[in-house]
């Protein structure tokens, strides 16, 4: 237990980094961490550095794993499965791609042009930005094993159910015509050396950090403001248990935003510290990552309005139901 506590506190939660940030705030900025400004600065410094450390390490690991699953291999794997099994495989393979929803769309186009079932491709499209091993480990670092596991499980379940419904509706004619005309050749899988895989992984870390750094800073900044400056009664009235529509509101607020899971975690952390119900927090995180407005604009270039509307409706309703169910059974995650 002592070893587990050490790993949890010093490796995952990085207590040593929190202590360093506290020393910086008190001795360099001459601010008390118990004050609103000092607490906000500590929150910002600690979370920014922590997320970038975790992000770099985990994306490297995930990209190294992903180097064994190029799009052509993934197509071949998914092509072997039909029905609900195909949806499950699509959702699970989506978890090994550490990308935002916009980055997943080109792969979605490739899968569709290759003739893969529509439901399978949508299960992949939903799970890819929503759930991956890196996000699980970061959630574990911030919120603990129960919430991290719960988020991953419901994310995969949502992807599978949404993909299955879309498959049953027979909406293949709702894909834009130009996507169907794209030729998907059988490219030979490139055999990479360990050095090449490492170089690929380092490149992915650089690319992803370049894409998300501004959203991480914004997310941590918003989290710092929520945690230290917004009164508890305001939080309670807007997204707290006092408001029966909190989950719906959190979902609708999350949709217009654009960030990935790494940008939403500090905001979620601040809300949890303000005693917001976990279901409401998870609904917000899922809405931002799965239904962001920019990614919906990109998807609209690939699918026709009817399919886009059905997709948004299914995922939105699913997120809201998940949020309320988590709020009802939140005592299991305490």
C-alpha atoms as a PDB file:
ATOM      1  CA  UNK A   1       0.000   0.000   0.000  1.00  0.00           C
ATOM      2  CA  UNK A   2       2.895   2.358   0.745  1.00  0.00           C
ATOM      3  CA  UNK A   3       4.316   1.749  -2.733  1.00  0.00           C
ATOM      4  CA  UNK A   4       0.882   2.271  -4.317  1.00  0.00           C
ATOM      5  CA  UNK A   5       0.357   5.496  -2.342  1.00  0.00           C
ATOM      6  CA  UNK A   6       3.785   6.742  -3.413  1.00  0.00           C
ATOM      7  CA  UNK A   7       3.094   5.998  -7.088  1.00  0.00           C
ATOM      8  CA  UNK A   8      -0.349   7.566  -6.875  1.00  0.00           C
ATOM      9  CA  UNK A   9       0.777  10.722  -5.061  1.00  0.00           C
ATOM     10  CA  UNK A  10       4.213  11.348  -6.561  1.00  0.00           C
ATOM     11  CA  UNK A  11       3.947   9.844 -10.060  1.00  0.00           C
ATOM     12  CA  UNK A  12       0.298  10.274 -11.084  1.00  0.00           C
ATOM     13  CA  UNK A  13      -0.790  13.257  -8.999  1.00  0.00           C
ATOM     14  CA  UNK A  14       2.733  14.751  -8.945  1.00  0.00           C
ATOM     15  CA  UNK A  15       2.567  16.052  -5.387  1.00  0.00           C
ATOM     16  CA  UNK A  16       6.209  17.093  -5.752  1.00  0.00           C
ATOM     17  CA  UNK A  17       5.169  19.429  -8.566  1.00  0.00           C
ATOM     18  CA  UNK A  18       2.393  20.917  -6.435  1.00  0.00           C
ATOM     19  CA  UNK A  19       4.939  21.601  -3.677  1.00  0.00           C
ATOM     20  CA  UNK A  20       7.302  23.240  -6.178  1.00  0.00           C
ATOM     21  CA  UNK A  21       4.479  25.392  -7.552  1.00  0.00           C
ATOM     22  CA  UNK A  22       3.549  26.407  -4.009  1.00  0.00           C
ATOM     23  CA  UNK A  23       7.165  27.386  -3.285  1.00  0.00           C
ATOM     24  CA  UNK A  24       7.244  29.434  -6.500  1.00  0.00           C
ATOM     25  CA  UNK A  25       4.012  31.260  -5.696  1.00  0.00           C
ATOM     26  CA  UNK A  26       4.950  32.046  -2.103  1.00  0.00           C
ATOM     27  CA  UNK A  27       8.645  32.862  -2.526  1.00  0.00           C
ATOM     28  CA  UNK A  28       8.908  34.301  -6.031  1.00  0.00           C
ATOM     29  CA  UNK A  29       5.500  35.922  -6.530  1.00  0.00           C
ATOM     30  CA  UNK A  30       5.081  36.668  -2.800  1.00  0.00           C
ATOM     31  CA  UNK A  31       1.488  35.438  -2.812  1.00  0.00           C
ATOM     32  CA  UNK A  32      -0.220  33.223  -0.271  1.00  0.00           C
ATOM     33  CA  UNK A  33      -1.768  30.129  -1.825  1.00  0.00           C
ATOM     34  CA  UNK A  34      -4.751  30.598   0.483  1.00  0.00           C
ATOM     35  CA  UNK A  35      -5.608  33.917  -1.187  1.00  0.00           C
ATOM     36  CA  UNK A  36      -7.757  33.999  -4.307  1.00  0.00           C
ATOM     37  CA  UNK A  37      -4.991  35.312  -6.556  1.00  0.00           C
ATOM     38  CA  UNK A  38      -2.302  33.095  -5.051  1.00  0.00           C
ATOM     39  CA  UNK A  39      -4.558  30.044  -5.270  1.00  0.00           C
ATOM     40  CA  UNK A  40      -5.351  30.816  -8.916  1.00  0.00           C
ATOM     41  CA  UNK A  41      -1.666  31.202  -9.789  1.00  0.00           C
ATOM     42  CA  UNK A  42      -0.825  27.932  -8.007  1.00  0.00           C
ATOM     43  CA  UNK A  43      -3.682  26.140  -9.800  1.00  0.00           C
ATOM     44  CA  UNK A  44      -2.502  27.501 -13.161  1.00  0.00           C
ATOM     45  CA  UNK A  45       1.213  26.726 -12.780  1.00  0.00           C
ATOM     46  CA  UNK A  46       0.667  23.262 -11.297  1.00  0.00           C
ATOM     47  CA  UNK A  47      -1.967  22.120 -13.798  1.00  0.00           C
ATOM     48  CA  UNK A  48      -0.226  23.521 -16.902  1.00  0.00           C
ATOM     49  CA  UNK A  49       3.109  21.871 -16.131  1.00  0.00           C
ATOM     50  CA  UNK A  50       1.456  18.646 -14.987  1.00  0.00           C
ATOM     51  CA  UNK A  51      -0.701  18.311 -18.100  1.00  0.00           C
ATOM     52  CA  UNK A  52       2.189  19.009 -20.470  1.00  0.00           C
ATOM     53  CA  UNK A  53       4.381  16.422 -18.723  1.00  0.00           C
ATOM     54  CA  UNK A  54       1.628  13.800 -18.819  1.00  0.00           C
ATOM     55  CA  UNK A  55       0.650  14.752 -22.361  1.00  0.00           C
ATOM     56  CA  UNK A  56       4.186  14.398 -23.724  1.00  0.00           C
ATOM     57  CA  UNK A  57       4.899  11.068 -22.047  1.00  0.00           C
ATOM     58  CA  UNK A  58       1.530   9.487 -22.773  1.00  0.00           C
ATOM     59  CA  UNK A  59       1.227  10.666 -26.377  1.00  0.00           C
ATOM     60  CA  UNK A  60       4.690   9.261 -27.066  1.00  0.00           C
ATOM     61  CA  UNK A  61       3.622   5.874 -25.682  1.00  0.00           C
ATOM     62  CA  UNK A  62       0.277   5.909 -27.477  1.00  0.00           C
ATOM     63  CA  UNK A  63       1.839   6.996 -30.779  1.00  0.00           C
ATOM     64  CA  UNK A  64       4.413   4.230 -30.511  1.00  0.00           C
ATOM     65  CA  UNK A  65       1.564   1.731 -30.094  1.00  0.00           C
ATOM     66  CA  UNK A  66      -0.372   3.391 -32.898  1.00  0.00           C
ATOM     67  CA  UNK A  67       2.600   2.948 -35.257  1.00  0.00           C
ATOM     68  CA  UNK A  68       1.631  -0.732 -35.359  1.00  0.00           C
ATOM     69  CA  UNK A  69      -1.898   0.184 -36.528  1.00  0.00           C
ATOM     70  CA  UNK A  70      -1.669   2.346 -39.669  1.00  0.00           C
ATOM     71  CA  UNK A  71      -4.977   3.111 -41.440  1.00  0.00           C
ATOM     72  CA  UNK A  72      -4.567   0.256 -43.915  1.00  0.00           C
ATOM     73  CA  UNK A  73      -4.109  -2.318 -41.161  1.00  0.00           C
ATOM     74  CA  UNK A  74      -7.013  -0.839 -39.214  1.00  0.00           C
ATOM     75  CA  UNK A  75      -9.227  -1.100 -42.316  1.00  0.00           C
ATOM     76  CA  UNK A  76      -8.324  -4.762 -42.692  1.00  0.00           C
ATOM     77  CA  UNK A  77      -9.065  -5.462 -39.030  1.00  0.00           C
ATOM     78  CA  UNK A  78     -12.418  -3.682 -39.068  1.00  0.00           C
ATOM     79  CA  UNK A  79     -13.364  -5.255 -42.402  1.00  0.00           C
ATOM     80  CA  UNK A  80     -13.432  -8.685 -40.756  1.00  0.00           C
ATOM     81  CA  UNK A  81     -16.232  -7.787 -38.342  1.00  0.00           C
ATOM     82  CA  UNK A  82     -19.912  -7.169 -38.925  1.00  0.00           C
ATOM     83  CA  UNK A  83     -22.848  -5.965 -36.840  1.00  0.00           C
ATOM     84  CA  UNK A  84     -22.450  -5.172 -33.149  1.00  0.00           C
ATOM     85  CA  UNK A  85     -19.044  -6.867 -33.101  1.00  0.00           C
ATOM     86  CA  UNK A  86     -17.852  -4.448 -35.780  1.00  0.00           C
ATOM     87  CA  UNK A  87     -19.143  -1.492 -33.761  1.00  0.00           C
ATOM     88  CA  UNK A  88     -17.315  -2.714 -30.673  1.00  0.00           C
ATOM     89  CA  UNK A  89     -14.093  -3.169 -32.634  1.00  0.00           C
ATOM     90  CA  UNK A  90     -14.493   0.288 -34.192  1.00  0.00           C
ATOM     91  CA  UNK A  91     -14.933   1.855 -30.770  1.00  0.00           C
ATOM     92  CA  UNK A  92     -11.995  -0.059 -29.276  1.00  0.00           C
ATOM     93  CA  UNK A  93      -9.668   0.801 -32.156  1.00  0.00           C
ATOM     94  CA  UNK A  94     -10.707   4.422 -31.751  1.00  0.00           C
ATOM     95  CA  UNK A  95      -9.237   4.347 -28.269  1.00  0.00           C
ATOM     96  CA  UNK A  96      -5.695   3.873 -29.592  1.00  0.00           C
ATOM     97  CA  UNK A  97      -5.782   7.063 -31.664  1.00  0.00           C
ATOM     98  CA  UNK A  98      -4.823  10.060 -29.466  1.00  0.00           C
ATOM     99  CA  UNK A  99      -6.463  12.638 -31.714  1.00  0.00           C
ATOM    100  CA  UNK A 100      -9.149  15.300 -31.465  1.00  0.00           C
ATOM    101  CA  UNK A 101     -12.340  14.808 -33.473  1.00  0.00           C
ATOM    102  CA  UNK A 102     -11.103  16.943 -36.383  1.00  0.00           C
ATOM    103  CA  UNK A 103      -7.975  14.800 -36.727  1.00  0.00           C
ATOM    104  CA  UNK A 104     -10.089  11.636 -36.806  1.00  0.00           C
ATOM    105  CA  UNK A 105     -12.254  12.779 -39.713  1.00  0.00           C
ATOM    106  CA  UNK A 106      -9.697  12.078 -42.503  1.00  0.00           C
ATOM    107  CA  UNK A 107      -9.431   8.501 -41.204  1.00  0.00           C
ATOM    108  CA  UNK A 108     -13.245   8.351 -41.102  1.00  0.00           C
ATOM    109  CA  UNK A 109     -13.293   9.361 -44.783  1.00  0.00           C
ATOM    110  CA  UNK A 110     -10.761   6.650 -45.591  1.00  0.00           C
ATOM    111  CA  UNK A 111     -12.820   4.008 -43.813  1.00  0.00           C
ATOM    112  CA  UNK A 112     -16.007   5.117 -45.575  1.00  0.00           C
ATOM    113  CA  UNK A 113     -14.389   5.177 -49.025  1.00  0.00           C
ATOM    114  CA  UNK A 114     -13.040   1.673 -48.336  1.00  0.00           C
ATOM    115  CA  UNK A 115     -16.611   0.435 -47.945  1.00  0.00           C
ATOM    116  CA  UNK A 116     -16.596  -0.256 -44.217  1.00  0.00           C
ATOM    117  CA  UNK A 117     -20.066  -0.323 -42.601  1.00  0.00           C
ATOM    118  CA  UNK A 118     -21.318   3.128 -41.687  1.00  0.00           C
ATOM    119  CA  UNK A 119     -22.048   2.200 -38.077  1.00  0.00           C
ATOM    120  CA  UNK A 120     -18.502   0.920 -37.561  1.00  0.00           C
ATOM    121  CA  UNK A 121     -16.974   4.121 -38.911  1.00  0.00           C
ATOM    122  CA  UNK A 122     -19.184   6.247 -36.651  1.00  0.00           C
ATOM    123  CA  UNK A 123     -18.310   4.156 -33.605  1.00  0.00           C
ATOM    124  CA  UNK A 124     -14.667   4.886 -34.437  1.00  0.00           C
ATOM    125  CA  UNK A 125     -15.362   8.587 -35.042  1.00  0.00           C
ATOM    126  CA  UNK A 126     -17.045   8.976 -31.644  1.00  0.00           C
ATOM    127  CA  UNK A 127     -14.600   6.978 -29.530  1.00  0.00           C
ATOM    128  CA  UNK A 128     -11.421   8.355 -31.115  1.00  0.00           C
ATOM    129  CA  UNK A 129     -11.596  11.874 -29.620  1.00  0.00           C
ATOM    130  CA  UNK A 130     -13.654  10.795 -26.610  1.00  0.00           C
ATOM    131  CA  UNK A 131     -11.630   7.952 -25.137  1.00  0.00           C
ATOM    132  CA  UNK A 132      -8.021   6.796 -25.287  1.00  0.00           C
ATOM    133  CA  UNK A 133      -5.497   5.298 -22.909  1.00  0.00           C
ATOM    134  CA  UNK A 134      -3.738   8.636 -22.495  1.00  0.00           C
ATOM    135  CA  UNK A 135      -6.962  10.347 -21.388  1.00  0.00           C
ATOM    136  CA  UNK A 136      -7.639   7.447 -19.017  1.00  0.00           C
ATOM    137  CA  UNK A 137      -4.256   7.870 -17.323  1.00  0.00           C
ATOM    138  CA  UNK A 138      -4.655  11.638 -17.058  1.00  0.00           C
ATOM    139  CA  UNK A 139      -8.162  11.224 -15.620  1.00  0.00           C
ATOM    140  CA  UNK A 140      -6.683   8.701 -13.203  1.00  0.00           C
ATOM    141  CA  UNK A 141      -4.110  11.294 -12.156  1.00  0.00           C
ATOM    142  CA  UNK A 142      -6.722  13.970 -11.479  1.00  0.00           C
ATOM    143  CA  UNK A 143      -9.814  12.066 -10.320  1.00  0.00           C
ATOM    144  CA  UNK A 144      -8.860   8.523  -9.310  1.00  0.00           C
ATOM    145  CA  UNK A 145      -9.507   5.054 -10.683  1.00  0.00           C
ATOM    146  CA  UNK A 146     -13.314   4.933 -10.347  1.00  0.00           C
ATOM    147  CA  UNK A 147     -14.068   8.083 -12.310  1.00  0.00           C
ATOM    148  CA  UNK A 148     -11.371   7.338 -14.899  1.00  0.00           C
ATOM    149  CA  UNK A 149     -12.729   3.848 -15.544  1.00  0.00           C
ATOM    150  CA  UNK A 150     -16.314   5.090 -15.563  1.00  0.00           C
ATOM    151  CA  UNK A 151     -15.504   7.737 -18.189  1.00  0.00           C
ATOM    152  CA  UNK A 152     -13.760   5.231 -20.469  1.00  0.00           C
ATOM    153  CA  UNK A 153     -16.523   2.622 -20.157  1.00  0.00           C
ATOM    154  CA  UNK A 154     -19.405   5.003 -20.843  1.00  0.00           C
ATOM    155  CA  UNK A 155     -17.478   6.601 -23.714  1.00  0.00           C
ATOM    156  CA  UNK A 156     -17.022   3.240 -25.420  1.00  0.00           C
ATOM    157  CA  UNK A 157     -20.632   2.239 -24.704  1.00  0.00           C
ATOM    158  CA  UNK A 158     -21.890   5.519 -26.184  1.00  0.00           C
ATOM    159  CA  UNK A 159     -19.778   4.969 -29.322  1.00  0.00           C
ATOM    160  CA  UNK A 160     -21.039   1.409 -29.759  1.00  0.00           C
ATOM    161  CA  UNK A 161     -24.717   2.271 -29.209  1.00  0.00           C
ATOM    162  CA  UNK A 162     -24.631   5.344 -31.469  1.00  0.00           C
ATOM    163  CA  UNK A 163     -22.855   3.418 -34.225  1.00  0.00           C
ATOM    164  CA  UNK A 164     -25.334   0.540 -33.931  1.00  0.00           C
ATOM    165  CA  UNK A 165     -28.346   2.863 -34.210  1.00  0.00           C
ATOM    166  CA  UNK A 166     -26.874   4.628 -37.240  1.00  0.00           C
ATOM    167  CA  UNK A 167     -26.163   1.248 -38.858  1.00  0.00           C
ATOM    168  CA  UNK A 168     -29.756   0.073 -38.299  1.00  0.00           C
ATOM    169  CA  UNK A 169     -31.172   3.229 -39.924  1.00  0.00           C
ATOM    170  CA  UNK A 170     -29.578   2.347 -43.306  1.00  0.00           C
ATOM    171  CA  UNK A 171     -28.208   5.814 -44.013  1.00  0.00           C
ATOM    172  CA  UNK A 172     -25.474   4.898 -46.500  1.00  0.00           C
ATOM    173  CA  UNK A 173     -27.039   7.249 -49.048  1.00  0.00           C
ATOM    174  CA  UNK A 174     -26.395  10.143 -46.630  1.00  0.00           C
ATOM    175  CA  UNK A 175     -22.633  10.144 -47.295  1.00  0.00           C
ATOM    176  CA  UNK A 176     -21.519  12.932 -49.639  1.00  0.00           C
ATOM    177  CA  UNK A 177     -21.080  11.609 -53.175  1.00  0.00           C
ATOM    178  CA  UNK A 178     -17.435  12.654 -53.533  1.00  0.00           C
ATOM    179  CA  UNK A 179     -16.474  10.476 -50.519  1.00  0.00           C
ATOM    180  CA  UNK A 180     -17.844   7.362 -52.222  1.00  0.00           C
ATOM    181  CA  UNK A 181     -15.824   8.187 -55.352  1.00  0.00           C
ATOM    182  CA  UNK A 182     -12.518   8.318 -53.495  1.00  0.00           C
ATOM    183  CA  UNK A 183     -10.485   5.277 -54.410  1.00  0.00           C
ATOM    184  CA  UNK A 184      -9.061   3.359 -51.489  1.00  0.00           C
ATOM    185  CA  UNK A 185      -6.077   1.404 -52.692  1.00  0.00           C
ATOM    186  CA  UNK A 186      -4.497  -1.505 -50.851  1.00  0.00           C
ATOM    187  CA  UNK A 187      -1.291   0.164 -49.749  1.00  0.00           C
ATOM    188  CA  UNK A 188       1.482  -2.032 -48.483  1.00  0.00           C
ATOM    189  CA  UNK A 189       2.045  -1.731 -44.764  1.00  0.00           C
ATOM    190  CA  UNK A 190       5.370  -0.101 -44.044  1.00  0.00           C
ATOM    191  CA  UNK A 191       7.669  -2.022 -41.742  1.00  0.00           C
ATOM    192  CA  UNK A 192       9.215   0.398 -39.281  1.00  0.00           C
ATOM    193  CA  UNK A 193      12.290  -0.068 -37.139  1.00  0.00           C
ATOM    194  CA  UNK A 194      12.245   0.793 -33.444  1.00  0.00           C
ATOM    195  CA  UNK A 195      14.178   3.972 -34.212  1.00  0.00           C
ATOM    196  CA  UNK A 196      11.629   4.984 -36.844  1.00  0.00           C
ATOM    197  CA  UNK A 197       8.753   4.271 -34.455  1.00  0.00           C
ATOM    198  CA  UNK A 198      10.437   6.443 -31.827  1.00  0.00           C
ATOM    199  CA  UNK A 199      10.941   9.232 -34.366  1.00  0.00           C
ATOM    200  CA  UNK A 200       7.299   8.932 -35.411  1.00  0.00           C
ATOM    201  CA  UNK A 201       6.187   9.108 -31.763  1.00  0.00           C
ATOM    202  CA  UNK A 202       8.338  12.172 -31.046  1.00  0.00           C
ATOM    203  CA  UNK A 203       6.886  13.834 -34.132  1.00  0.00           C
ATOM    204  CA  UNK A 204       3.350  13.069 -32.963  1.00  0.00           C
ATOM    205  CA  UNK A 205       4.096  14.585 -29.546  1.00  0.00           C
ATOM    206  CA  UNK A 206       5.297  17.782 -31.235  1.00  0.00           C
ATOM    207  CA  UNK A 207       2.331  17.901 -33.614  1.00  0.00           C
ATOM    208  CA  UNK A 208      -0.293  17.314 -30.933  1.00  0.00           C
ATOM    209  CA  UNK A 209       1.281  19.731 -28.455  1.00  0.00           C
ATOM    210  CA  UNK A 210       1.317  22.406 -31.185  1.00  0.00           C
ATOM    211  CA  UNK A 211      -2.385  21.797 -31.793  1.00  0.00           C
ATOM    212  CA  UNK A 212      -3.600  21.716 -28.199  1.00  0.00           C
ATOM    213  CA  UNK A 213      -1.292  23.967 -26.157  1.00  0.00           C
ATOM    214  CA  UNK A 214      -3.511  27.023 -26.479  1.00  0.00           C
ATOM    215  CA  UNK A 215      -6.591  25.035 -25.405  1.00  0.00           C
ATOM    216  CA  UNK A 216      -4.732  23.670 -22.406  1.00  0.00           C
ATOM    217  CA  UNK A 217      -3.759  27.183 -21.317  1.00  0.00           C
ATOM    218  CA  UNK A 218      -7.331  28.406 -21.837  1.00  0.00           C
ATOM    219  CA  UNK A 219      -8.773  25.409 -20.028  1.00  0.00           C
ATOM    220  CA  UNK A 220      -6.454  25.777 -17.055  1.00  0.00           C
ATOM    221  CA  UNK A 221      -7.110  29.524 -16.963  1.00  0.00           C
ATOM    222  CA  UNK A 222     -10.860  28.988 -16.907  1.00  0.00           C
ATOM    223  CA  UNK A 223     -10.427  26.291 -14.261  1.00  0.00           C
ATOM    224  CA  UNK A 224      -8.360  28.642 -12.096  1.00  0.00           C
ATOM    225  CA  UNK A 225     -11.030  31.336 -12.320  1.00  0.00           C
ATOM    226  CA  UNK A 226     -13.838  28.879 -11.506  1.00  0.00           C
ATOM    227  CA  UNK A 227     -11.931  27.415  -8.560  1.00  0.00           C
ATOM    228  CA  UNK A 228     -10.799  30.658  -6.953  1.00  0.00           C
ATOM    229  CA  UNK A 229     -13.078  33.504  -8.022  1.00  0.00           C
ATOM    230  CA  UNK A 230     -16.589  32.254  -8.775  1.00  0.00           C
ATOM    231  CA  UNK A 231     -18.671  31.967  -5.568  1.00  0.00           C
ATOM    232  CA  UNK A 232     -19.941  28.537  -4.583  1.00  0.00           C
ATOM    233  CA  UNK A 233     -23.574  29.664  -4.628  1.00  0.00           C
ATOM    234  CA  UNK A 234     -23.256  30.723  -8.294  1.00  0.00           C
ATOM    235  CA  UNK A 235     -21.880  27.315  -9.251  1.00  0.00           C
ATOM    236  CA  UNK A 236     -24.659  25.605  -7.279  1.00  0.00           C
ATOM    237  CA  UNK A 237     -27.375  27.618  -9.007  1.00  0.00           C
ATOM    238  CA  UNK A 238     -26.003  27.161 -12.540  1.00  0.00           C
ATOM    239  CA  UNK A 239     -24.598  23.611 -12.717  1.00  0.00           C
ATOM    240  CA  UNK A 240     -24.988  22.363  -9.158  1.00  0.00           C
ATOM    241  CA  UNK A 241     -27.509  19.949  -7.722  1.00  0.00           C
ATOM    242  CA  UNK A 242     -29.841  22.912  -7.140  1.00  0.00           C
ATOM    243  CA  UNK A 243     -30.496  23.060 -10.890  1.00  0.00           C
ATOM    244  CA  UNK A 244     -32.359  20.017 -12.302  1.00  0.00           C
ATOM    245  CA  UNK A 245     -31.296  21.059 -15.805  1.00  0.00           C
ATOM    246  CA  UNK A 246     -27.587  21.199 -14.931  1.00  0.00           C
ATOM    247  CA  UNK A 247     -26.626  18.206 -17.120  1.00  0.00           C
ATOM    248  CA  UNK A 248     -28.498  19.604 -20.128  1.00  0.00           C
ATOM    249  CA  UNK A 249     -26.936  23.031 -19.609  1.00  0.00           C
ATOM    250  CA  UNK A 250     -23.432  21.585 -19.246  1.00  0.00           C
ATOM    251  CA  UNK A 251     -23.899  19.599 -22.464  1.00  0.00           C
ATOM    252  CA  UNK A 252     -25.182  22.587 -24.447  1.00  0.00           C
ATOM    253  CA  UNK A 253     -22.388  24.821 -23.135  1.00  0.00           C
ATOM    254  CA  UNK A 254     -19.781  22.236 -24.099  1.00  0.00           C
ATOM    255  CA  UNK A 255     -20.898  21.762 -27.710  1.00  0.00           C
ATOM    256  CA  UNK A 256     -19.790  25.182 -29.106  1.00  0.00           C
ATOM    257  CA  UNK A 257     -16.358  24.870 -27.489  1.00  0.00           C
ATOM    258  CA  UNK A 258     -13.360  23.346 -29.243  1.00  0.00           C
ATOM    259  CA  UNK A 259     -10.823  21.438 -27.215  1.00  0.00           C
ATOM    260  CA  UNK A 260      -9.770  17.900 -26.584  1.00  0.00           C
ATOM    261  CA  UNK A 261      -9.858  15.991 -23.335  1.00  0.00           C
ATOM    262  CA  UNK A 262      -6.620  17.600 -22.175  1.00  0.00           C
ATOM    263  CA  UNK A 263      -8.148  21.069 -22.361  1.00  0.00           C
ATOM    264  CA  UNK A 264     -11.359  20.082 -20.576  1.00  0.00           C
ATOM    265  CA  UNK A 265      -9.766  18.276 -17.615  1.00  0.00           C
ATOM    266  CA  UNK A 266      -8.669  21.414 -15.689  1.00  0.00           C
ATOM    267  CA  UNK A 267     -12.160  22.882 -16.053  1.00  0.00           C
ATOM    268  CA  UNK A 268     -13.639  19.572 -14.891  1.00  0.00           C
ATOM    269  CA  UNK A 269     -11.203  19.521 -11.975  1.00  0.00           C
ATOM    270  CA  UNK A 270     -12.303  22.984 -10.866  1.00  0.00           C
ATOM    271  CA  UNK A 271     -15.980  22.008 -11.100  1.00  0.00           C
ATOM    272  CA  UNK A 272     -15.389  18.842  -9.064  1.00  0.00           C
ATOM    273  CA  UNK A 273     -13.558  20.894  -6.430  1.00  0.00           C
ATOM    274  CA  UNK A 274     -16.661  23.118  -6.347  1.00  0.00           C
ATOM    275  CA  UNK A 275     -18.739  19.988  -5.567  1.00  0.00           C
ATOM    276  CA  UNK A 276     -20.497  19.835  -8.946  1.00  0.00           C
ATOM    277  CA  UNK A 277     -22.023  16.388  -9.525  1.00  0.00           C
ATOM    278  CA  UNK A 278     -19.755  14.066 -11.481  1.00  0.00           C
ATOM    279  CA  UNK A 279     -22.435  13.301 -14.078  1.00  0.00           C
ATOM    280  CA  UNK A 280     -22.704  16.999 -14.931  1.00  0.00           C
ATOM    281  CA  UNK A 281     -18.930  17.271 -15.245  1.00  0.00           C
ATOM    282  CA  UNK A 282     -18.674  14.178 -17.467  1.00  0.00           C
ATOM    283  CA  UNK A 283     -21.482  15.467 -19.688  1.00  0.00           C
ATOM    284  CA  UNK A 284     -19.577  18.701 -20.214  1.00  0.00           C
ATOM    285  CA  UNK A 285     -16.336  16.864 -21.040  1.00  0.00           C
ATOM    286  CA  UNK A 286     -18.037  14.507 -23.487  1.00  0.00           C
ATOM    287  CA  UNK A 287     -19.910  17.319 -25.255  1.00  0.00           C
ATOM    288  CA  UNK A 288     -16.702  19.303 -25.785  1.00  0.00           C
ATOM    289  CA  UNK A 289     -14.712  16.355 -27.116  1.00  0.00           C
ATOM    290  CA  UNK A 290     -17.374  14.580 -29.174  1.00  0.00           C
ATOM    291  CA  UNK A 291     -19.604  17.418 -30.438  1.00  0.00           C
ATOM    292  CA  UNK A 292     -17.448  20.520 -30.748  1.00  0.00           C
ATOM    293  CA  UNK A 293     -18.754  23.007 -33.315  1.00  0.00           C
ATOM    294  CA  UNK A 294     -15.606  22.986 -35.525  1.00  0.00           C
ATOM    295  CA  UNK A 295     -15.645  19.197 -35.805  1.00  0.00           C
ATOM    296  CA  UNK A 296     -19.367  19.261 -36.674  1.00  0.00           C
ATOM    297  CA  UNK A 297     -18.588  21.726 -39.463  1.00  0.00           C
ATOM    298  CA  UNK A 298     -15.946  19.331 -40.801  1.00  0.00           C
ATOM    299  CA  UNK A 299     -18.284  16.345 -40.576  1.00  0.00           C
ATOM    300  CA  UNK A 300     -20.920  18.326 -42.492  1.00  0.00           C
ATOM    301  CA  UNK A 301     -18.524  18.298 -45.443  1.00  0.00           C
ATOM    302  CA  UNK A 302     -18.543  14.495 -45.362  1.00  0.00           C
ATOM    303  CA  UNK A 303     -22.166  13.587 -44.581  1.00  0.00           C
ATOM    304  CA  UNK A 304     -25.478  15.047 -45.659  1.00  0.00           C
ATOM    305  CA  UNK A 305     -27.671  17.147 -43.314  1.00  0.00           C
ATOM    306  CA  UNK A 306     -30.030  14.284 -42.396  1.00  0.00           C
ATOM    307  CA  UNK A 307     -27.219  12.016 -41.165  1.00  0.00           C
ATOM    308  CA  UNK A 308     -25.469  14.913 -39.413  1.00  0.00           C
ATOM    309  CA  UNK A 309     -28.675  15.796 -37.551  1.00  0.00           C
ATOM    310  CA  UNK A 310     -29.259  12.178 -36.539  1.00  0.00           C
ATOM    311  CA  UNK A 311     -25.643  11.828 -35.379  1.00  0.00           C
ATOM    312  CA  UNK A 312     -25.748  15.000 -33.258  1.00  0.00           C
ATOM    313  CA  UNK A 313     -29.142  14.055 -31.786  1.00  0.00           C
ATOM    314  CA  UNK A 314     -28.111  10.511 -30.842  1.00  0.00           C
ATOM    315  CA  UNK A 315     -24.828  11.585 -29.244  1.00  0.00           C
ATOM    316  CA  UNK A 316     -26.369  14.576 -27.432  1.00  0.00           C
ATOM    317  CA  UNK A 317     -29.223  12.518 -25.977  1.00  0.00           C
ATOM    318  CA  UNK A 318     -26.740   9.789 -25.017  1.00  0.00           C
ATOM    319  CA  UNK A 319     -24.470  12.237 -23.224  1.00  0.00           C
ATOM    320  CA  UNK A 320     -27.383  13.766 -21.319  1.00  0.00           C
ATOM    321  CA  UNK A 321     -28.697  10.350 -20.250  1.00  0.00           C
ATOM    322  CA  UNK A 322     -25.219   9.318 -19.134  1.00  0.00           C
ATOM    323  CA  UNK A 323     -24.897  12.529 -17.130  1.00  0.00           C
ATOM    324  CA  UNK A 324     -28.165  12.014 -15.269  1.00  0.00           C
ATOM    325  CA  UNK A 325     -27.445   8.327 -14.633  1.00  0.00           C
ATOM    326  CA  UNK A 326     -24.056   9.208 -13.178  1.00  0.00           C
ATOM    327  CA  UNK A 327     -25.619  11.839 -10.949  1.00  0.00           C
ATOM    328  CA  UNK A 328     -28.130   9.276  -9.671  1.00  0.00           C
ATOM    329  CA  UNK A 329     -25.462   6.667  -8.919  1.00  0.00           C
ATOM    330  CA  UNK A 330     -22.617   9.066  -8.081  1.00  0.00           C
ATOM    331  CA  UNK A 331     -22.342   7.650  -4.552  1.00  0.00           C
ATOM    332  CA  UNK A 332     -20.761   4.555  -6.146  1.00  0.00           C
ATOM    333  CA  UNK A 333     -17.836   6.690  -7.332  1.00  0.00           C
ATOM    334  CA  UNK A 334     -17.104   8.318  -3.988  1.00  0.00           C
END
